[in-house]
Amino acid sequence: MFPTVRVSFAGCRAEARYAVLLDVVPVDGKRYRYAYHRSSWLVAGKADPPAPARLYPHPDSPFSGDQLRKQVVSFEKVKLTNNEMDKNGQIVLNSMHRYQPRIHLVKVRDGGGPITDLSREQHRTFIFPETVFTAVTAYQNQLITKLKIDSNPFAKGFRDSSRLTDFDRDPMELMLMEQQLLRSPLRLYSGSSSEEEAEKRAAWARTPPALQLLALGGRAWPSAWPQPLAIPPDLWLQKPPPPMRYCPYPPPAHPSANPPRPEHAPSPRHPM
């Protein structure tokens, strides 16, 4: 889950032991959709049946009271999924629904086993309204995609200046944006309603030229839609060429290629 939930505690007893757990609960009974022309989330209907709630214990639990006062507890290993049949302990959510993470501080009992029911434990629950989020399988805004590339530690390989030059980084980011575009509702299909058509046109007007060319992919755009930045048709009807790469060494020969036969001097007995 990104951004990561991080919490710190105060007022814990030094001699006590505490478990820190996280769960994610629905905010309301609604399902949402993203409106491009408004740049906001709109209610799209009733919520899907929620999956059974799962408690995620922090991997380093339990903590002593002194440890909790001196460190920040980070839930950076939490994983989310929309697979209701998941058996790996991941938190199951419904896409396009709003959720609220909750932090539970549980006082560990002597000889107590795994915590499965908070009602049987001595605990306190903490809720931070600023952590409410909408679960998605693909980001609805390309600016959020870029923010994740710049900030998510799992995307470090795409922005590490020691590994990628500017020449390499641009095609890499373009590739990520292309994959985001292909998964987003901006992709081309017929049979959409007038409201969806208006949303797509508004999104198209805000789309950078490079992504417009990738969306077209060599196809002619409908006449009712504005052409991308009035680019000449003979240019925007062509697929963008792949970036050229410089290789300081000659490419290795294919294993199946026939090696050149050495030239032998003619035999003196059989002059040519």
C-alpha atoms as a PDB file:
ATOM      1  CA  MET A   1       0.000   0.000   0.000  1.00  0.00           C
ATOM      2  CA  PHE A   2       1.394   3.362  -1.036  1.00  0.00           C
ATOM      3  CA  PRO A   3       1.599   5.892   0.579  1.00  0.00           C
ATOM      4  CA  THR A   4       2.694   4.012   3.685  1.00  0.00           C
ATOM      5  CA  VAL A   5       0.939   4.341   7.049  1.00  0.00           C
ATOM      6  CA  ARG A   6       3.391   5.397   9.771  1.00  0.00           C
ATOM      7  CA  VAL A   7       2.474   6.011  13.417  1.00  0.00           C
ATOM      8  CA  SER A   8       4.200   6.837  16.682  1.00  0.00           C
ATOM      9  CA  PHE A   9       2.964   6.338  20.244  1.00  0.00           C
ATOM     10  CA  ALA A  10       3.341   8.076  23.583  1.00  0.00           C
ATOM     11  CA  GLY A  11       2.226   7.288  27.110  1.00  0.00           C
ATOM     12  CA  CYS A  12       2.896   3.533  26.930  1.00  0.00           C
ATOM     13  CA  ARG A  13       3.996   1.686  30.046  1.00  0.00           C
ATOM     14  CA  ALA A  14       7.659   0.756  29.873  1.00  0.00           C
ATOM     15  CA  GLU A  15       7.209  -2.730  31.333  1.00  0.00           C
ATOM     16  CA  ALA A  16       4.166  -3.684  29.224  1.00  0.00           C
ATOM     17  CA  ARG A  17       4.173  -5.388  25.833  1.00  0.00           C
ATOM     18  CA  TYR A  18       2.016  -4.174  22.987  1.00  0.00           C
ATOM     19  CA  ALA A  19       0.920  -5.480  19.609  1.00  0.00           C
ATOM     20  CA  VAL A  20       0.247  -3.007  16.803  1.00  0.00           C
ATOM     21  CA  LEU A  21      -2.272  -4.049  14.185  1.00  0.00           C
ATOM     22  CA  LEU A  22      -3.849  -2.455  11.130  1.00  0.00           C
ATOM     23  CA  ASP A  23      -7.114  -3.071   9.345  1.00  0.00           C
ATOM     24  CA  VAL A  24      -9.001  -1.280   6.573  1.00  0.00           C
ATOM     25  CA  VAL A  25     -12.772  -0.733   6.774  1.00  0.00           C
ATOM     26  CA  PRO A  26     -15.265   0.779   4.278  1.00  0.00           C
ATOM     27  CA  VAL A  27     -16.104   4.436   4.763  1.00  0.00           C
ATOM     28  CA  ASP A  28     -19.631   4.192   3.349  1.00  0.00           C
ATOM     29  CA  GLY A  29     -21.916   1.962   1.313  1.00  0.00           C
ATOM     30  CA  LYS A  30     -21.186   3.544  -2.081  1.00  0.00           C
ATOM     31  CA  ARG A  31     -19.189   2.780  -5.200  1.00  0.00           C
ATOM     32  CA  TYR A  32     -17.415   5.606  -7.025  1.00  0.00           C
ATOM     33  CA  ARG A  33     -16.124   6.551 -10.443  1.00  0.00           C
ATOM     34  CA  TYR A  34     -13.667   9.252 -11.503  1.00  0.00           C
ATOM     35  CA  ALA A  35     -15.031  12.134 -13.615  1.00  0.00           C
ATOM     36  CA  TYR A  36     -12.304  13.551 -15.840  1.00  0.00           C
ATOM     37  CA  HIS A  37     -14.131  16.743 -16.768  1.00  0.00           C
ATOM     38  CA  ARG A  38     -14.580  17.556 -13.057  1.00  0.00           C
ATOM     39  CA  SER A  39     -11.345  16.022 -11.771  1.00  0.00           C
ATOM     40  CA  SER A  40     -13.296  14.526  -8.893  1.00  0.00           C
ATOM     41  CA  TRP A  41     -14.910  11.320  -7.664  1.00  0.00           C
ATOM     42  CA  LEU A  42     -18.663  10.819  -8.164  1.00  0.00           C
ATOM     43  CA  VAL A  43     -21.035   8.273  -6.649  1.00  0.00           C
ATOM     44  CA  ALA A  44     -21.715   5.491  -9.168  1.00  0.00           C
ATOM     45  CA  GLY A  45     -24.051   3.233  -7.181  1.00  0.00           C
ATOM     46  CA  LYS A  46     -24.265   0.989  -4.159  1.00  0.00           C
ATOM     47  CA  ALA A  47     -21.178  -0.665  -2.762  1.00  0.00           C
ATOM     48  CA  ASP A  48     -20.320  -4.262  -3.550  1.00  0.00           C
ATOM     49  CA  PRO A  49     -20.523  -6.758  -0.688  1.00  0.00           C
ATOM     50  CA  PRO A  50     -17.431  -6.200   1.481  1.00  0.00           C
ATOM     51  CA  ALA A  51     -14.880  -8.930   1.997  1.00  0.00           C
ATOM     52  CA  PRO A  52     -14.321 -10.253   5.528  1.00  0.00           C
ATOM     53  CA  ALA A  53     -12.161  -7.838   7.505  1.00  0.00           C
ATOM     54  CA  ARG A  54      -8.599  -8.931   8.155  1.00  0.00           C
ATOM     55  CA  LEU A  55      -6.302  -7.808  10.933  1.00  0.00           C
ATOM     56  CA  TYR A  56      -2.724  -7.219   9.823  1.00  0.00           C
ATOM     57  CA  PRO A  57      -0.261  -7.474  12.752  1.00  0.00           C
ATOM     58  CA  HIS A  58       2.966  -5.552  12.356  1.00  0.00           C
ATOM     59  CA  PRO A  59       5.795  -8.010  11.575  1.00  0.00           C
ATOM     60  CA  ASP A  60       7.889  -6.705  14.502  1.00  0.00           C
ATOM     61  CA  SER A  61       5.110  -7.052  17.089  1.00  0.00           C
ATOM     62  CA  PRO A  62       5.010  -7.282  20.025  1.00  0.00           C
ATOM     63  CA  PHE A  63       6.828  -4.127  21.163  1.00  0.00           C
ATOM     64  CA  SER A  64       7.827  -3.002  24.599  1.00  0.00           C
ATOM     65  CA  GLY A  65       6.598   0.341  25.851  1.00  0.00           C
ATOM     66  CA  ASP A  66      10.104   1.820  25.540  1.00  0.00           C
ATOM     67  CA  GLN A  67      10.391   0.684  21.924  1.00  0.00           C
ATOM     68  CA  LEU A  68       7.094   2.306  20.967  1.00  0.00           C
ATOM     69  CA  ARG A  69       8.111   5.621  22.507  1.00  0.00           C
ATOM     70  CA  LYS A  70      11.450   5.704  20.683  1.00  0.00           C
ATOM     71  CA  GLN A  71      10.533   4.646  17.144  1.00  0.00           C
ATOM     72  CA  VAL A  72       8.058   5.116  14.332  1.00  0.00           C
ATOM     73  CA  VAL A  73       6.008   2.053  13.432  1.00  0.00           C
ATOM     74  CA  SER A  74       5.768   1.769   9.635  1.00  0.00           C
ATOM     75  CA  PHE A  75       3.352  -0.531   7.802  1.00  0.00           C
ATOM     76  CA  GLU A  76       5.390  -0.566   4.612  1.00  0.00           C
ATOM     77  CA  LYS A  77       4.886  -4.298   3.988  1.00  0.00           C
ATOM     78  CA  VAL A  78       1.082  -4.202   3.850  1.00  0.00           C
ATOM     79  CA  LYS A  79      -0.275  -5.596   0.586  1.00  0.00           C
ATOM     80  CA  LEU A  80      -3.728  -4.973  -0.866  1.00  0.00           C
ATOM     81  CA  THR A  81      -5.645  -7.161  -3.289  1.00  0.00           C
ATOM     82  CA  ASN A  82      -9.099  -7.420  -4.867  1.00  0.00           C
ATOM     83  CA  ASN A  83      -8.894 -11.218  -4.955  1.00  0.00           C
ATOM     84  CA  GLU A  84     -11.508 -12.485  -2.500  1.00  0.00           C
ATOM     85  CA  MET A  85      -9.913 -15.952  -2.607  1.00  0.00           C
ATOM     86  CA  ASP A  86      -6.529 -14.664  -1.416  1.00  0.00           C
ATOM     87  CA  LYS A  87      -4.802 -16.985   1.055  1.00  0.00           C
ATOM     88  CA  ASN A  88      -1.604 -14.979   1.591  1.00  0.00           C
ATOM     89  CA  GLY A  89      -2.911 -12.732   4.348  1.00  0.00           C
ATOM     90  CA  GLN A  90      -3.313  -9.685   2.137  1.00  0.00           C
ATOM     91  CA  ILE A  91      -6.035  -7.137   2.864  1.00  0.00           C
ATOM     92  CA  VAL A  92      -8.933  -7.671   0.436  1.00  0.00           C
ATOM     93  CA  LEU A  93     -10.618  -4.533  -0.939  1.00  0.00           C
ATOM     94  CA  ASN A  94     -13.121  -3.705  -3.674  1.00  0.00           C
ATOM     95  CA  SER A  95     -11.841  -1.414  -6.411  1.00  0.00           C
ATOM     96  CA  MET A  96     -13.466   2.033  -6.731  1.00  0.00           C
ATOM     97  CA  HIS A  97     -14.620   1.998  -3.083  1.00  0.00           C
ATOM     98  CA  ARG A  98     -13.507   4.303  -0.248  1.00  0.00           C
ATOM     99  CA  TYR A  99     -11.736   2.949   2.810  1.00  0.00           C
ATOM    100  CA  GLN A 100     -10.364   4.059   6.172  1.00  0.00           C
ATOM    101  CA  PRO A 101      -7.220   2.485   7.688  1.00  0.00           C
ATOM    102  CA  ARG A 102      -7.334   1.952  11.441  1.00  0.00           C
ATOM    103  CA  ILE A 103      -4.496   1.390  13.899  1.00  0.00           C
ATOM    104  CA  HIS A 104      -5.054  -0.852  16.924  1.00  0.00           C
ATOM    105  CA  LEU A 105      -2.774  -0.861  19.966  1.00  0.00           C
ATOM    106  CA  VAL A 106      -3.350  -4.076  21.916  1.00  0.00           C
ATOM    107  CA  LYS A 107      -1.880  -4.899  25.329  1.00  0.00           C
ATOM    108  CA  VAL A 108      -0.471  -8.414  25.044  1.00  0.00           C
ATOM    109  CA  ARG A 109      -1.612 -10.868  27.686  1.00  0.00           C
ATOM    110  CA  ASP A 110       0.753 -13.364  29.278  1.00  0.00           C
ATOM    111  CA  GLY A 111       0.523 -16.605  27.359  1.00  0.00           C
ATOM    112  CA  GLY A 112      -1.843 -15.075  24.819  1.00  0.00           C
ATOM    113  CA  GLY A 113      -1.962 -16.428  21.283  1.00  0.00           C
ATOM    114  CA  PRO A 114      -2.583 -14.683  17.959  1.00  0.00           C
ATOM    115  CA  ILE A 115      -5.027 -11.798  18.114  1.00  0.00           C
ATOM    116  CA  THR A 116      -8.132 -12.559  16.042  1.00  0.00           C
ATOM    117  CA  ASP A 117     -10.914 -10.753  17.936  1.00  0.00           C
ATOM    118  CA  LEU A 118     -10.321  -7.243  19.269  1.00  0.00           C
ATOM    119  CA  SER A 119     -13.440  -7.367  21.437  1.00  0.00           C
ATOM    120  CA  ARG A 120     -11.666  -9.881  23.673  1.00  0.00           C
ATOM    121  CA  GLU A 121      -8.519  -7.795  24.066  1.00  0.00           C
ATOM    122  CA  GLN A 122      -7.568  -4.701  26.007  1.00  0.00           C
ATOM    123  CA  HIS A 123      -6.952  -2.278  23.166  1.00  0.00           C
ATOM    124  CA  ARG A 124      -7.331   1.214  21.786  1.00  0.00           C
ATOM    125  CA  THR A 125      -8.176   2.127  18.185  1.00  0.00           C
ATOM    126  CA  PHE A 126      -6.808   5.198  16.419  1.00  0.00           C
ATOM    127  CA  ILE A 127      -8.331   6.700  13.260  1.00  0.00           C
ATOM    128  CA  PHE A 128      -6.795   9.466  11.151  1.00  0.00           C
ATOM    129  CA  PRO A 129      -9.367  11.024   8.749  1.00  0.00           C
ATOM    130  CA  GLU A 130      -6.613  12.235   6.414  1.00  0.00           C
ATOM    131  CA  THR A 131      -5.773   8.623   5.539  1.00  0.00           C
ATOM    132  CA  VAL A 132      -9.122   7.905   3.799  1.00  0.00           C
ATOM    133  CA  PHE A 133      -8.443   6.650   0.264  1.00  0.00           C
ATOM    134  CA  THR A 134     -10.155   5.216  -2.807  1.00  0.00           C
ATOM    135  CA  ALA A 135      -8.959   1.753  -3.824  1.00  0.00           C
ATOM    136  CA  VAL A 136      -8.077   1.454  -7.529  1.00  0.00           C
ATOM    137  CA  THR A 137      -6.458  -1.163  -9.737  1.00  0.00           C
ATOM    138  CA  ALA A 138      -5.002   1.560 -11.998  1.00  0.00           C
ATOM    139  CA  TYR A 139      -4.429   5.222 -11.212  1.00  0.00           C
ATOM    140  CA  GLN A 140      -7.080   7.471 -12.743  1.00  0.00           C
ATOM    141  CA  ASN A 141      -4.750  10.460 -13.162  1.00  0.00           C
ATOM    142  CA  GLN A 142      -1.392  10.414 -14.947  1.00  0.00           C
ATOM    143  CA  LEU A 143      -0.035  12.985 -12.488  1.00  0.00           C
ATOM    144  CA  ILE A 144      -0.556  10.430  -9.711  1.00  0.00           C
ATOM    145  CA  THR A 145       1.340   7.896 -11.815  1.00  0.00           C
ATOM    146  CA  LYS A 146       4.277  10.305 -12.056  1.00  0.00           C
ATOM    147  CA  LEU A 147       4.050  11.020  -8.321  1.00  0.00           C
ATOM    148  CA  LYS A 148       4.340   7.308  -7.598  1.00  0.00           C
ATOM    149  CA  ILE A 149       7.401   7.013  -9.856  1.00  0.00           C
ATOM    150  CA  ASP A 150       9.017   9.935  -8.037  1.00  0.00           C
ATOM    151  CA  SER A 151       8.099   8.894  -4.480  1.00  0.00           C
ATOM    152  CA  ASN A 152       7.443   5.171  -4.238  1.00  0.00           C
ATOM    153  CA  PRO A 153      10.542   3.294  -3.020  1.00  0.00           C
ATOM    154  CA  PHE A 154       9.534   0.297  -5.160  1.00  0.00           C
ATOM    155  CA  ALA A 155       9.944   2.443  -8.315  1.00  0.00           C
ATOM    156  CA  LYS A 156      13.509   3.471  -7.479  1.00  0.00           C
ATOM    157  CA  GLY A 157      14.926   1.673 -10.509  1.00  0.00           C
ATOM    158  CA  PHE A 158      13.042   4.010 -12.843  1.00  0.00           C
ATOM    159  CA  ARG A 159      14.545   7.208 -11.437  1.00  0.00           C
ATOM    160  CA  ASP A 160      18.010   6.179 -10.150  1.00  0.00           C
ATOM    161  CA  SER A 161      20.385   8.632 -11.804  1.00  0.00           C
ATOM    162  CA  SER A 162      23.328   6.311 -11.258  1.00  0.00           C
ATOM    163  CA  ARG A 163      21.718   3.626 -13.410  1.00  0.00           C
ATOM    164  CA  LEU A 164      19.695   5.552 -16.006  1.00  0.00           C
ATOM    165  CA  THR A 165      20.791   8.472 -18.148  1.00  0.00           C
ATOM    166  CA  ASP A 166      18.368  11.117 -19.379  1.00  0.00           C
ATOM    167  CA  PHE A 167      18.361   9.321 -22.728  1.00  0.00           C
ATOM    168  CA  ASP A 168      17.208   6.109 -21.053  1.00  0.00           C
ATOM    169  CA  ARG A 169      14.897   7.610 -18.448  1.00  0.00           C
ATOM    170  CA  ASP A 170      12.541   9.351 -20.873  1.00  0.00           C
ATOM    171  CA  PRO A 171      11.565   6.159 -22.770  1.00  0.00           C
ATOM    172  CA  MET A 172      11.219   4.355 -19.426  1.00  0.00           C
ATOM    173  CA  GLU A 173       8.794   6.912 -18.029  1.00  0.00           C
ATOM    174  CA  LEU A 174       6.985   7.028 -21.352  1.00  0.00           C
ATOM    175  CA  MET A 175       6.571   3.258 -21.193  1.00  0.00           C
ATOM    176  CA  LEU A 176       5.007   3.475 -17.718  1.00  0.00           C
ATOM    177  CA  MET A 177       2.669   6.240 -18.849  1.00  0.00           C
ATOM    178  CA  GLU A 178       1.728   4.186 -21.899  1.00  0.00           C
ATOM    179  CA  GLN A 179       0.825   1.204 -19.734  1.00  0.00           C
ATOM    180  CA  GLN A 180      -1.228   3.483 -17.497  1.00  0.00           C
ATOM    181  CA  LEU A 181      -3.023   4.904 -20.538  1.00  0.00           C
ATOM    182  CA  LEU A 182      -3.866   1.461 -21.913  1.00  0.00           C
ATOM    183  CA  ARG A 183      -5.437   0.469 -18.571  1.00  0.00           C
ATOM    184  CA  SER A 184      -7.366   3.715 -18.101  1.00  0.00           C
ATOM    185  CA  PRO A 185     -10.862   4.622 -19.383  1.00  0.00           C
ATOM    186  CA  LEU A 186      -9.202   6.971 -21.893  1.00  0.00           C
ATOM    187  CA  ARG A 187      -8.606   4.067 -24.272  1.00  0.00           C
ATOM    188  CA  LEU A 188     -10.750   3.945 -27.392  1.00  0.00           C
ATOM    189  CA  TYR A 189     -13.987   1.991 -27.544  1.00  0.00           C
ATOM    190  CA  SER A 190     -17.447   2.538 -28.995  1.00  0.00           C
ATOM    191  CA  GLY A 191     -20.891   2.595 -27.442  1.00  0.00           C
ATOM    192  CA  SER A 192     -20.166   5.085 -24.654  1.00  0.00           C
ATOM    193  CA  SER A 193     -22.801   7.456 -23.274  1.00  0.00           C
ATOM    194  CA  SER A 194     -22.825  11.192 -23.852  1.00  0.00           C
ATOM    195  CA  GLU A 195     -21.539  11.880 -20.328  1.00  0.00           C
ATOM    196  CA  GLU A 196     -18.671   9.413 -20.749  1.00  0.00           C
ATOM    197  CA  GLU A 197     -17.924  10.947 -24.142  1.00  0.00           C
ATOM    198  CA  ALA A 198     -17.674  14.400 -22.565  1.00  0.00           C
ATOM    199  CA  GLU A 199     -15.356  13.068 -19.870  1.00  0.00           C
ATOM    200  CA  LYS A 200     -13.086  11.459 -22.468  1.00  0.00           C
ATOM    201  CA  ARG A 201     -12.928  14.613 -24.568  1.00  0.00           C
ATOM    202  CA  ALA A 202     -11.971  16.648 -21.506  1.00  0.00           C
ATOM    203  CA  ALA A 203      -9.313  14.095 -20.609  1.00  0.00           C
ATOM    204  CA  TRP A 204      -8.043  14.081 -24.187  1.00  0.00           C
ATOM    205  CA  ALA A 205      -7.609  17.855 -24.118  1.00  0.00           C
ATOM    206  CA  ARG A 206      -5.368  17.512 -21.028  1.00  0.00           C
ATOM    207  CA  THR A 207      -3.353  14.595 -22.388  1.00  0.00           C
ATOM    208  CA  PRO A 208       0.282  15.325 -23.421  1.00  0.00           C
ATOM    209  CA  PRO A 209       1.095  14.945 -27.140  1.00  0.00           C
ATOM    210  CA  ALA A 210       3.229  11.854 -26.574  1.00  0.00           C
ATOM    211  CA  LEU A 211       0.351  10.001 -24.938  1.00  0.00           C
ATOM    212  CA  GLN A 212      -2.041  11.177 -27.652  1.00  0.00           C
ATOM    213  CA  LEU A 213       0.165   9.563 -30.275  1.00  0.00           C
ATOM    214  CA  LEU A 214       0.392   6.390 -28.207  1.00  0.00           C
ATOM    215  CA  ALA A 215      -3.378   6.269 -27.818  1.00  0.00           C
ATOM    216  CA  LEU A 216      -3.895   6.586 -31.570  1.00  0.00           C
ATOM    217  CA  GLY A 217      -1.348   3.893 -32.318  1.00  0.00           C
ATOM    218  CA  GLY A 218      -1.448   4.493 -36.056  1.00  0.00           C
ATOM    219  CA  ARG A 219      -5.242   4.776 -36.284  1.00  0.00           C
ATOM    220  CA  ALA A 220      -7.206   7.712 -37.671  1.00  0.00           C
ATOM    221  CA  TRP A 221      -9.013   9.646 -34.962  1.00  0.00           C
ATOM    222  CA  PRO A 222     -12.785  10.262 -35.419  1.00  0.00           C
ATOM    223  CA  SER A 223     -13.549  13.530 -37.166  1.00  0.00           C
ATOM    224  CA  ALA A 224     -15.729  14.719 -34.272  1.00  0.00           C
ATOM    225  CA  TRP A 225     -12.706  14.665 -31.970  1.00  0.00           C
ATOM    226  CA  PRO A 226      -9.985  17.314 -32.101  1.00  0.00           C
ATOM    227  CA  GLN A 227      -6.817  16.155 -33.769  1.00  0.00           C
ATOM    228  CA  PRO A 228      -3.801  16.062 -31.436  1.00  0.00           C
ATOM    229  CA  LEU A 229      -2.363  19.576 -31.452  1.00  0.00           C
ATOM    230  CA  ALA A 230      -3.085  19.952 -35.188  1.00  0.00           C
ATOM    231  CA  ILE A 231      -0.190  17.644 -36.033  1.00  0.00           C
ATOM    232  CA  PRO A 232      -0.075  16.839 -39.794  1.00  0.00           C
ATOM    233  CA  PRO A 233      -1.979  13.594 -40.485  1.00  0.00           C
ATOM    234  CA  ASP A 234       1.008  12.040 -42.262  1.00  0.00           C
ATOM    235  CA  LEU A 235       2.891  12.315 -38.933  1.00  0.00           C
ATOM    236  CA  TRP A 236       0.350  11.378 -36.284  1.00  0.00           C
ATOM    237  CA  LEU A 237      -0.961   8.414 -38.290  1.00  0.00           C
ATOM    238  CA  GLN A 238       2.459   6.801 -37.908  1.00  0.00           C
ATOM    239  CA  LYS A 239       3.426   4.806 -34.848  1.00  0.00           C
ATOM    240  CA  PRO A 240       6.271   6.407 -32.887  1.00  0.00           C
ATOM    241  CA  PRO A 241       9.550   4.680 -33.754  1.00  0.00           C
ATOM    242  CA  PRO A 242      11.278   2.802 -30.935  1.00  0.00           C
ATOM    243  CA  PRO A 243      14.133   4.723 -29.284  1.00  0.00           C
ATOM    244  CA  MET A 244      17.556   3.959 -30.694  1.00  0.00           C
ATOM    245  CA  ARG A 245      20.158   2.531 -28.344  1.00  0.00           C
ATOM    246  CA  TYR A 246      23.882   2.979 -28.613  1.00  0.00           C
ATOM    247  CA  CYS A 247      25.906  -0.175 -28.072  1.00  0.00           C
ATOM    248  CA  PRO A 248      29.690   0.260 -27.847  1.00  0.00           C
ATOM    249  CA  TYR A 249      30.248  -3.419 -28.728  1.00  0.00           C
ATOM    250  CA  PRO A 250      29.134  -5.295 -31.841  1.00  0.00           C
ATOM    251  CA  PRO A 251      26.119  -7.560 -31.246  1.00  0.00           C
ATOM    252  CA  PRO A 252      26.987 -11.246 -30.721  1.00  0.00           C
ATOM    253  CA  ALA A 253      26.454 -13.576 -33.643  1.00  0.00           C
ATOM    254  CA  HIS A 254      23.368 -15.759 -33.593  1.00  0.00           C
ATOM    255  CA  PRO A 255      24.154 -19.355 -32.596  1.00  0.00           C
ATOM    256  CA  SER A 256      22.462 -20.678 -35.718  1.00  0.00           C
ATOM    257  CA  ALA A 257      24.388 -18.398 -38.056  1.00  0.00           C
ATOM    258  CA  ASN A 258      26.892 -20.151 -40.277  1.00  0.00           C
ATOM    259  CA  PRO A 259      30.429 -19.057 -39.391  1.00  0.00           C
ATOM    260  CA  PRO A 260      32.459 -17.764 -42.346  1.00  0.00           C
ATOM    261  CA  ARG A 261      34.686 -20.409 -43.891  1.00  0.00           C
ATOM    262  CA  PRO A 262      38.401 -19.524 -43.886  1.00  0.00           C
ATOM    263  CA  GLU A 263      39.944 -18.832 -47.255  1.00  0.00           C
ATOM    264  CA  HIS A 264      42.677 -21.337 -48.218  1.00  0.00           C
ATOM    265  CA  ALA A 265      45.421 -20.756 -50.710  1.00  0.00           C
ATOM    266  CA  PRO A 266      44.973 -22.878 -53.871  1.00  0.00           C
ATOM    267  CA  SER A 267      46.906 -26.098 -53.966  1.00  0.00           C
ATOM    268  CA  PRO A 268      49.982 -26.017 -56.230  1.00  0.00           C
ATOM    269  CA  ARG A 269      48.961 -29.425 -57.644  1.00  0.00           C
ATOM    270  CA  HIS A 270      45.604 -28.106 -58.730  1.00  0.00           C
ATOM    271  CA  PRO A 271      46.067 -24.563 -59.886  1.00  0.00           C
ATOM    272  CA  MET A 272      42.907 -22.586 -60.237  1.00  0.00           C
END
